[in-house]
């Protein structure tokens, strides 16, 4: 039985920087929108895009957590404030 050529992993590396993941995702979307992709390639690219989207969302979520913190006042009302607004004692 002939061997299949080696193909890159469908799951992008989670340590991929946001910018690289986003750029690859844009390329995949353009390719999918072209309508010139076989069904098998479409499914493969869709799966890769799904993983890239998760990587981008994780990076954005982590950045958001670094930028804001949840603050609860004495009455129990919650609000977000920038991290540098006050320091914890």
PDB file of N, CA and C in Angstrom:
ATOM      1  N   UNK A   1       0.853  -1.174   0.000  1.00  0.00           N
ATOM      2  CA  UNK A   1       0.000   0.000   0.000  1.00  0.00           C
ATOM      3  C   UNK A   1       0.901   1.239   0.000  1.00  0.00           C
ATOM      4  N   UNK A   2       0.685   2.218  -0.910  1.00  0.00           N
ATOM      5  CA  UNK A   2       1.554   3.393  -0.969  1.00  0.00           C
ATOM      6  C   UNK A   2       1.346   4.292   0.246  1.00  0.00           C
ATOM      7  N   UNK A   3       2.450   4.905   0.657  1.00  0.00           N
ATOM      8  CA  UNK A   3       2.388   5.811   1.794  1.00  0.00           C
ATOM      9  C   UNK A   3       1.841   7.162   1.365  1.00  0.00           C
ATOM     10  N   UNK A   4       1.059   7.775   2.246  1.00  0.00           N
ATOM     11  CA  UNK A   4       0.578   9.125   1.996  1.00  0.00           C
ATOM     12  C   UNK A   4       1.703  10.097   2.299  1.00  0.00           C
ATOM     13  N   UNK A   5       1.779  11.206   1.553  1.00  0.00           N
ATOM     14  CA  UNK A   5       2.803  12.192   1.882  1.00  0.00           C
ATOM     15  C   UNK A   5       2.493  12.811   3.241  1.00  0.00           C
ATOM     16  N   UNK A   6       3.538  13.189   3.940  1.00  0.00           N
ATOM     17  CA  UNK A   6       3.357  13.799   5.259  1.00  0.00           C
ATOM     18  C   UNK A   6       2.618  15.118   5.117  1.00  0.00           C
ATOM     19  N   UNK A   7       1.637  15.322   5.972  1.00  0.00           N
ATOM     20  CA  UNK A   7       0.890  16.570   5.967  1.00  0.00           C
ATOM     21  C   UNK A   7       1.049  17.236   7.318  1.00  0.00           C
ATOM     22  N   UNK A   8       0.985  18.571   7.333  1.00  0.00           N
ATOM     23  CA  UNK A   8       1.109  19.245   8.621  1.00  0.00           C
ATOM     24  C   UNK A   8      -0.056  18.885   9.539  1.00  0.00           C
ATOM     25  N   UNK A   9       0.165  19.008  10.821  1.00  0.00           N
ATOM     26  CA  UNK A   9      -0.863  18.712  11.805  1.00  0.00           C
ATOM     27  C   UNK A   9      -2.069  19.611  11.606  1.00  0.00           C
ATOM     28  N   UNK A  10      -3.272  19.049  11.798  1.00  0.00           N
ATOM     29  CA  UNK A  10      -4.494  19.841  11.673  1.00  0.00           C
ATOM     30  C   UNK A  10      -4.639  20.817  12.824  1.00  0.00           C
ATOM     31  N   UNK A  11      -4.054  20.479  13.961  1.00  0.00           N
ATOM     32  CA  UNK A  11      -4.198  21.316  15.135  1.00  0.00           C
ATOM     33  C   UNK A  11      -3.004  22.250  15.238  1.00  0.00           C
ATOM     34  N   UNK A  12      -3.226  23.549  15.018  1.00  0.00           N
ATOM     35  CA  UNK A  12      -2.118  24.495  15.156  1.00  0.00           C
ATOM     36  C   UNK A  12      -1.606  24.518  16.586  1.00  0.00           C
ATOM     37  N   UNK A  13      -0.345  24.828  16.729  1.00  0.00           N
ATOM     38  CA  UNK A  13       0.309  24.888  18.029  1.00  0.00           C
ATOM     39  C   UNK A  13      -0.319  25.990  18.878  1.00  0.00           C
ATOM     40  N   UNK A  14      -0.751  25.654  20.076  1.00  0.00           N
ATOM     41  CA  UNK A  14      -1.413  26.620  20.963  1.00  0.00           C
ATOM     42  C   UNK A  14      -0.484  27.753  21.376  1.00  0.00           C
ATOM     43  N   UNK A  15       0.829  27.565  21.230  1.00  0.00           N
ATOM     44  CA  UNK A  15       1.769  28.624  21.588  1.00  0.00           C
ATOM     45  C   UNK A  15       1.969  29.615  20.437  1.00  0.00           C
ATOM     46  N   UNK A  16       1.258  29.406  19.347  1.00  0.00           N
ATOM     47  CA  UNK A  16       1.334  30.299  18.197  1.00  0.00           C
ATOM     48  C   UNK A  16       0.919  31.696  18.626  1.00  0.00           C
ATOM     49  N   UNK A  17       1.714  32.728  18.307  1.00  0.00           N
ATOM     50  CA  UNK A  17       1.330  34.093  18.680  1.00  0.00           C
ATOM     51  C   UNK A  17       0.009  34.495  18.020  1.00  0.00           C
ATOM     52  N   UNK A  18      -0.695  35.402  18.659  1.00  0.00           N
ATOM     53  CA  UNK A  18      -1.993  35.868  18.158  1.00  0.00           C
ATOM     54  C   UNK A  18      -1.895  36.326  16.706  1.00  0.00           C
ATOM     55  N   UNK A  19      -0.922  37.161  16.415  1.00  0.00           N
ATOM     56  CA  UNK A  19      -0.798  37.730  15.076  1.00  0.00           C
ATOM     57  C   UNK A  19      -0.616  36.652  14.007  1.00  0.00           C
ATOM     58  N   UNK A  20       0.178  35.635  14.315  1.00  0.00           N
ATOM     59  CA  UNK A  20       0.412  34.546  13.362  1.00  0.00           C
ATOM     60  C   UNK A  20      -0.853  33.714  13.174  1.00  0.00           C
ATOM     61  N   UNK A  21      -1.552  33.429  14.267  1.00  0.00           N
ATOM     62  CA  UNK A  21      -2.788  32.644  14.185  1.00  0.00           C
ATOM     63  C   UNK A  21      -3.843  33.406  13.390  1.00  0.00           C
ATOM     64  N   UNK A  22      -3.946  34.713  13.635  1.00  0.00           N
ATOM     65  CA  UNK A  22      -4.939  35.536  12.945  1.00  0.00           C
ATOM     66  C   UNK A  22      -4.622  35.637  11.453  1.00  0.00           C
ATOM     67  N   UNK A  23      -3.344  35.808  11.126  1.00  0.00           N
ATOM     68  CA  UNK A  23      -2.941  35.898   9.718  1.00  0.00           C
ATOM     69  C   UNK A  23      -3.258  34.592   8.986  1.00  0.00           C
ATOM     70  N   UNK A  24      -2.961  33.460   9.611  1.00  0.00           N
ATOM     71  CA  UNK A  24      -3.255  32.156   8.994  1.00  0.00           C
ATOM     72  C   UNK A  24      -4.763  31.969   8.839  1.00  0.00           C
ATOM     73  N   UNK A  25      -5.521  32.418   9.836  1.00  0.00           N
ATOM     74  CA  UNK A  25      -6.979  32.324   9.776  1.00  0.00           C
ATOM     75  C   UNK A  25      -7.523  33.141   8.600  1.00  0.00           C
ATOM     76  N   UNK A  26      -6.978  34.331   8.376  1.00  0.00           N
ATOM     77  CA  UNK A  26      -7.400  35.163   7.248  1.00  0.00           C
ATOM     78  C   UNK A  26      -7.140  34.459   5.915  1.00  0.00           C
ATOM     79  N   UNK A  27      -5.979  33.818   5.803  1.00  0.00           N
ATOM     80  CA  UNK A  27      -5.638  33.090   4.581  1.00  0.00           C
ATOM     81  C   UNK A  27      -6.626  31.943   4.355  1.00  0.00           C
ATOM     82  N   UNK A  28      -6.947  31.227   5.428  1.00  0.00           N
ATOM     83  CA  UNK A  28      -7.899  30.119   5.312  1.00  0.00           C
ATOM     84  C   UNK A  28      -9.273  30.615   4.885  1.00  0.00           C
ATOM     85  N   UNK A  29      -9.730  31.701   5.465  1.00  0.00           N
ATOM     86  CA  UNK A  29     -11.053  32.240   5.120  1.00  0.00           C
ATOM     87  C   UNK A  29     -11.086  32.651   3.651  1.00  0.00           C
ATOM     88  N   UNK A  30     -10.046  33.331   3.188  1.00  0.00           N
ATOM     89  CA  UNK A  30      -9.989  33.724   1.771  1.00  0.00           C
ATOM     90  C   UNK A  30     -10.040  32.497   0.867  1.00  0.00           C
ATOM     91  N   UNK A  31      -9.316  31.462   1.253  1.00  0.00           N
ATOM     92  CA  UNK A  31      -9.290  30.227   0.476  1.00  0.00           C
ATOM     93  C   UNK A  31     -10.674  29.588   0.437  1.00  0.00           C
ATOM     94  N   UNK A  32     -11.341  29.540   1.583  1.00  0.00           N
ATOM     95  CA  UNK A  32     -12.675  28.931   1.649  1.00  0.00           C
ATOM     96  C   UNK A  32     -13.697  29.752   0.860  1.00  0.00           C
ATOM     97  N   UNK A  33     -13.562  31.072   0.913  1.00  0.00           N
ATOM     98  CA  UNK A  33     -14.502  31.940   0.205  1.00  0.00           C
ATOM     99  C   UNK A  33     -14.301  31.907  -1.309  1.00  0.00           C
ATOM    100  N   UNK A  34     -13.139  31.457  -1.754  1.00  0.00           N
ATOM    101  CA  UNK A  34     -12.857  31.426  -3.190  1.00  0.00           C
ATOM    102  C   UNK A  34     -13.758  30.438  -3.922  1.00  0.00           C
ATOM    103  N   UNK A  35     -14.242  29.418  -3.206  1.00  0.00           N
ATOM    104  CA  UNK A  35     -15.096  28.416  -3.822  1.00  0.00           C
ATOM    105  C   UNK A  35     -14.336  27.410  -4.668  1.00  0.00           C
ATOM    106  N   UNK A  36     -13.023  27.475  -4.648  1.00  0.00           N
ATOM    107  CA  UNK A  36     -12.200  26.580  -5.466  1.00  0.00           C
ATOM    108  C   UNK A  36     -11.518  25.517  -4.622  1.00  0.00           C
ATOM    109  N   UNK A  37     -12.161  25.118  -3.542  1.00  0.00           N
ATOM    110  CA  UNK A  37     -11.587  24.140  -2.618  1.00  0.00           C
ATOM    111  C   UNK A  37     -12.409  22.863  -2.701  1.00  0.00           C
ATOM    112  N   UNK A  38     -11.717  21.739  -2.795  1.00  0.00           N
ATOM    113  CA  UNK A  38     -12.434  20.461  -2.815  1.00  0.00           C
ATOM    114  C   UNK A  38     -13.099  20.241  -1.458  1.00  0.00           C
ATOM    115  N   UNK A  39     -14.063  19.364  -1.427  1.00  0.00           N
ATOM    116  CA  UNK A  39     -14.781  19.088  -0.181  1.00  0.00           C
ATOM    117  C   UNK A  39     -13.837  18.594   0.910  1.00  0.00           C
ATOM    118  N   UNK A  40     -12.928  17.707   0.559  1.00  0.00           N
ATOM    119  CA  UNK A  40     -11.977  17.182   1.549  1.00  0.00           C
ATOM    120  C   UNK A  40     -11.095  18.304   2.094  1.00  0.00           C
ATOM    121  N   UNK A  41     -10.591  19.169   1.204  1.00  0.00           N
ATOM    122  CA  UNK A  41      -9.771  20.293   1.648  1.00  0.00           C
ATOM    123  C   UNK A  41     -10.591  21.290   2.458  1.00  0.00           C
ATOM    124  N   UNK A  42     -11.843  21.462   2.076  1.00  0.00           N
ATOM    125  CA  UNK A  42     -12.718  22.383   2.792  1.00  0.00           C
ATOM    126  C   UNK A  42     -12.868  21.947   4.247  1.00  0.00           C
ATOM    127  N   UNK A  43     -13.107  20.667   4.448  1.00  0.00           N
ATOM    128  CA  UNK A  43     -13.273  20.143   5.813  1.00  0.00           C
ATOM    129  C   UNK A  43     -11.977  20.302   6.596  1.00  0.00           C
ATOM    130  N   UNK A  44     -10.853  19.989   5.984  1.00  0.00           N
ATOM    131  CA  UNK A  44      -9.550  20.112   6.641  1.00  0.00           C
ATOM    132  C   UNK A  44      -9.279  21.564   7.018  1.00  0.00           C
ATOM    133  N   UNK A  45      -9.520  22.478   6.082  1.00  0.00           N
ATOM    134  CA  UNK A  45      -9.282  23.897   6.352  1.00  0.00           C
ATOM    135  C   UNK A  45     -10.253  24.429   7.401  1.00  0.00           C
ATOM    136  N   UNK A  46     -11.479  23.964   7.376  1.00  0.00           N
ATOM    137  CA  UNK A  46     -12.450  24.388   8.376  1.00  0.00           C
ATOM    138  C   UNK A  46     -11.986  23.971   9.773  1.00  0.00           C
ATOM    139  N   UNK A  47     -11.514  22.726   9.899  1.00  0.00           N
ATOM    140  CA  UNK A  47     -11.034  22.237  11.193  1.00  0.00           C
ATOM    141  C   UNK A  47      -9.822  23.041  11.671  1.00  0.00           C
ATOM    142  N   UNK A  48      -8.902  23.322  10.766  1.00  0.00           N
ATOM    143  CA  UNK A  48      -7.735  24.128  11.129  1.00  0.00           C
ATOM    144  C   UNK A  48      -8.180  25.531  11.551  1.00  0.00           C
ATOM    145  N   UNK A  49      -9.119  26.093  10.817  1.00  0.00           N
ATOM    146  CA  UNK A  49      -9.637  27.420  11.149  1.00  0.00           C
ATOM    147  C   UNK A  49     -10.298  27.440  12.513  1.00  0.00           C
ATOM    148  N   UNK A  50     -11.005  26.371  12.835  1.00  0.00           N
ATOM    149  CA  UNK A  50     -11.651  26.272  14.147  1.00  0.00           C
ATOM    150  C   UNK A  50     -10.611  26.315  15.260  1.00  0.00           C
ATOM    151  N   UNK A  51      -9.516  25.584  15.087  1.00  0.00           N
ATOM    152  CA  UNK A  51      -8.447  25.574  16.089  1.00  0.00           C
ATOM    153  C   UNK A  51      -7.770  26.943  16.174  1.00  0.00           C
ATOM    154  N   UNK A  52      -7.545  27.578  15.022  1.00  0.00           N
ATOM    155  CA  UNK A  52      -6.925  28.903  15.010  1.00  0.00           C
ATOM    156  C   UNK A  52      -7.823  29.930  15.699  1.00  0.00           C
ATOM    157  N   UNK A  53      -9.122  29.823  15.468  1.00  0.00           N
ATOM    158  CA  UNK A  53     -10.067  30.731  16.110  1.00  0.00           C
ATOM    159  C   UNK A  53      -9.993  30.589  17.625  1.00  0.00           C
ATOM    160  N   UNK A  54      -9.920  29.364  18.105  1.00  0.00           N
ATOM    161  CA  UNK A  54      -9.819  29.129  19.550  1.00  0.00           C
ATOM    162  C   UNK A  54      -8.525  29.736  20.100  1.00  0.00           C
ATOM    163  N   UNK A  55      -7.436  29.584  19.374  1.00  0.00           N
ATOM    164  CA  UNK A  55      -6.160  30.166  19.806  1.00  0.00           C
ATOM    165  C   UNK A  55      -6.290  31.684  19.904  1.00  0.00           C
ATOM    166  N   UNK A  56      -6.896  32.309  18.891  1.00  0.00           N
ATOM    167  CA  UNK A  56      -7.078  33.762  18.897  1.00  0.00           C
ATOM    168  C   UNK A  56      -7.965  34.185  20.068  1.00  0.00           C
ATOM    169  N   UNK A  57      -9.055  33.473  20.290  1.00  0.00           N
ATOM    170  CA  UNK A  57      -9.958  33.802  21.395  1.00  0.00           C
ATOM    171  C   UNK A  57      -9.244  33.670  22.739  1.00  0.00           C
ATOM    172  N   UNK A  58      -8.434  32.645  22.892  1.00  0.00           N
ATOM    173  CA  UNK A  58      -7.690  32.453  24.141  1.00  0.00           C
ATOM    174  C   UNK A  58      -6.717  33.604  24.378  1.00  0.00           C
ATOM    175  N   UNK A  59      -6.020  34.028  23.328  1.00  0.00           N
ATOM    176  CA  UNK A  59      -5.095  35.157  23.446  1.00  0.00           C
ATOM    177  C   UNK A  59      -5.843  36.437  23.830  1.00  0.00           C
ATOM    178  N   UNK A  60      -6.980  36.670  23.188  1.00  0.00           N
ATOM    179  CA  UNK A  60      -7.760  37.874  23.490  1.00  0.00           C
ATOM    180  C   UNK A  60      -8.314  37.842  24.910  1.00  0.00           C
ATOM    181  N   UNK A  61      -8.770  36.683  25.336  1.00  0.00           N
ATOM    182  CA  UNK A  61      -9.298  36.541  26.689  1.00  0.00           C
ATOM    183  C   UNK A  61      -8.198  36.809  27.719  1.00  0.00           C
ATOM    184  N   UNK A  62      -7.013  36.281  27.463  1.00  0.00           N
ATOM    185  CA  UNK A  62      -5.894  36.494  28.387  1.00  0.00           C
ATOM    186  C   UNK A  62      -5.505  37.971  28.432  1.00  0.00           C
ATOM    187  N   UNK A  63      -5.508  38.621  27.274  1.00  0.00           N
ATOM    188  CA  UNK A  63      -5.184  40.050  27.232  1.00  0.00           C
ATOM    189  C   UNK A  63      -6.231  40.856  27.981  1.00  0.00           C
ATOM    190  N   UNK A  64      -7.480  40.497  27.810  1.00  0.00           N
ATOM    191  CA  UNK A  64      -8.565  41.203  28.500  1.00  0.00           C
ATOM    192  C   UNK A  64      -8.419  41.077  30.013  1.00  0.00           C
ATOM    193  N   UNK A  65      -8.055  39.904  30.480  1.00  0.00           N
ATOM    194  CA  UNK A  65      -7.879  39.695  31.922  1.00  0.00           C
ATOM    195  C   UNK A  65      -6.710  40.506  32.462  1.00  0.00           C
ATOM    196  N   UNK A  66      -5.711  40.720  31.641  1.00  0.00           N
ATOM    197  CA  UNK A  66      -4.577  41.517  32.078  1.00  0.00           C
ATOM    198  C   UNK A  66      -4.930  43.010  32.122  1.00  0.00           C
ATOM    199  N   UNK A  67      -5.866  43.419  31.304  1.00  0.00           N
ATOM    200  CA  UNK A  67      -6.219  44.832  31.190  1.00  0.00           C
ATOM    201  C   UNK A  67      -7.257  45.241  32.228  1.00  0.00           C
ATOM    202  N   UNK A  68      -8.170  44.367  32.552  1.00  0.00           N
ATOM    203  CA  UNK A  68      -9.261  44.699  33.461  1.00  0.00           C
ATOM    204  C   UNK A  68      -9.311  43.745  34.642  1.00  0.00           C
ATOM    205  N   UNK A  69      -9.876  44.225  35.713  1.00  0.00           N
ATOM    206  CA  UNK A  69     -10.137  43.347  36.842  1.00  0.00           C
ATOM    207  C   UNK A  69     -11.536  43.645  37.351  1.00  0.00           C
ATOM    208  N   UNK A  70     -12.123  42.683  37.930  1.00  0.00           N
ATOM    209  CA  UNK A  70     -13.469  42.824  38.474  1.00  0.00           C
ATOM    210  C   UNK A  70     -13.367  43.451  39.858  1.00  0.00           C
ATOM    211  N   UNK A  71     -14.157  44.488  40.074  1.00  0.00           N
ATOM    212  CA  UNK A  71     -14.160  45.191  41.347  1.00  0.00           C
ATOM    213  C   UNK A  71     -15.573  45.125  41.915  1.00  0.00           C
ATOM    214  N   UNK A  72     -15.705  44.701  43.169  1.00  0.00           N
ATOM    215  CA  UNK A  72     -17.009  44.627  43.831  1.00  0.00           C
ATOM    216  C   UNK A  72     -17.002  45.653  44.958  1.00  0.00           C
ATOM    217  N   UNK A  73     -17.992  46.561  44.914  1.00  0.00           N
ATOM    218  CA  UNK A  73     -18.050  47.577  45.970  1.00  0.00           C
ATOM    219  C   UNK A  73     -18.794  47.055  47.191  1.00  0.00           C
ATOM    220  N   UNK A  74     -18.927  47.889  48.232  1.00  0.00           N
ATOM    221  CA  UNK A  74     -19.546  47.476  49.499  1.00  0.00           C
ATOM    222  C   UNK A  74     -20.999  47.036  49.353  1.00  0.00           C
ATOM    223  N   UNK A  75     -21.698  47.585  48.341  1.00  0.00           N
ATOM    224  CA  UNK A  75     -23.101  47.213  48.152  1.00  0.00           C
ATOM    225  C   UNK A  75     -23.255  45.936  47.326  1.00  0.00           C
ATOM    226  N   UNK A  76     -22.149  45.362  46.898  1.00  0.00           N
ATOM    227  CA  UNK A  76     -22.200  44.126  46.133  1.00  0.00           C
ATOM    228  C   UNK A  76     -22.272  44.331  44.630  1.00  0.00           C
ATOM    229  N   UNK A  77     -22.220  45.590  44.190  1.00  0.00           N
ATOM    230  CA  UNK A  77     -22.251  45.875  42.753  1.00  0.00           C
ATOM    231  C   UNK A  77     -20.881  45.596  42.146  1.00  0.00           C
ATOM    232  N   UNK A  78     -20.872  44.897  41.043  1.00  0.00           N
ATOM    233  CA  UNK A  78     -19.622  44.564  40.363  1.00  0.00           C
ATOM    234  C   UNK A  78     -19.391  45.523  39.214  1.00  0.00           C
ATOM    235  N   UNK A  79     -18.134  45.870  39.006  1.00  0.00           N
ATOM    236  CA  UNK A  79     -17.755  46.701  37.867  1.00  0.00           C
ATOM    237  C   UNK A  79     -16.325  46.361  37.484  1.00  0.00           C
ATOM    238  N   UNK A  80     -15.962  46.686  36.266  1.00  0.00           N
ATOM    239  CA  UNK A  80     -14.602  46.458  35.800  1.00  0.00           C
ATOM    240  C   UNK A  80     -13.817  47.745  35.945  1.00  0.00           C
ATOM    241  N   UNK A  81     -12.566  47.610  36.321  1.00  0.00           N
ATOM    242  CA  UNK A  81     -11.685  48.769  36.384  1.00  0.00           C
ATOM    243  C   UNK A  81     -10.336  48.375  35.819  1.00  0.00           C
ATOM    244  N   UNK A  82      -9.606  49.346  35.260  1.00  0.00           N
ATOM    245  CA  UNK A  82      -8.267  49.031  34.737  1.00  0.00           C
ATOM    246  C   UNK A  82      -7.379  48.509  35.853  1.00  0.00           C
ATOM    247  N   UNK A  83      -6.463  47.634  35.523  1.00  0.00           N
ATOM    248  CA  UNK A  83      -5.565  47.052  36.520  1.00  0.00           C
ATOM    249  C   UNK A  83      -4.716  48.096  37.217  1.00  0.00           C
ATOM    250  N   UNK A  84      -4.303  49.138  36.501  1.00  0.00           N
ATOM    251  CA  UNK A  84      -3.397  50.118  37.092  1.00  0.00           C
ATOM    252  C   UNK A  84      -4.126  51.197  37.887  1.00  0.00           C
ATOM    253  N   UNK A  85      -5.461  51.126  37.979  1.00  0.00           N
ATOM    254  CA  UNK A  85      -6.212  52.146  38.687  1.00  0.00           C
ATOM    255  C   UNK A  85      -5.952  52.132  40.183  1.00  0.00           C
ATOM    256  N   UNK A  86      -5.804  50.936  40.753  1.00  0.00           N
ATOM    257  CA  UNK A  86      -5.500  50.832  42.175  1.00  0.00           C
ATOM    258  C   UNK A  86      -4.698  49.584  42.421  1.00  0.00           C
ATOM    259  N   UNK A  87      -3.959  49.564  43.481  1.00  0.00           N
ATOM    260  CA  UNK A  87      -3.195  48.368  43.825  1.00  0.00           C
ATOM    261  C   UNK A  87      -3.828  47.707  45.019  1.00  0.00           C
ATOM    262  N   UNK A  88      -3.694  46.383  45.074  1.00  0.00           N
ATOM    263  CA  UNK A  88      -4.264  45.641  46.200  1.00  0.00           C
ATOM    264  C   UNK A  88      -3.371  45.738  47.404  1.00  0.00           C
ATOM    265  N   UNK A  89      -3.951  45.804  48.568  1.00  0.00           N
ATOM    266  CA  UNK A  89      -3.169  45.896  49.816  1.00  0.00           C
ATOM    267  C   UNK A  89      -2.993  44.532  50.414  1.00  0.00           C
TER     268      UNK A  89
END
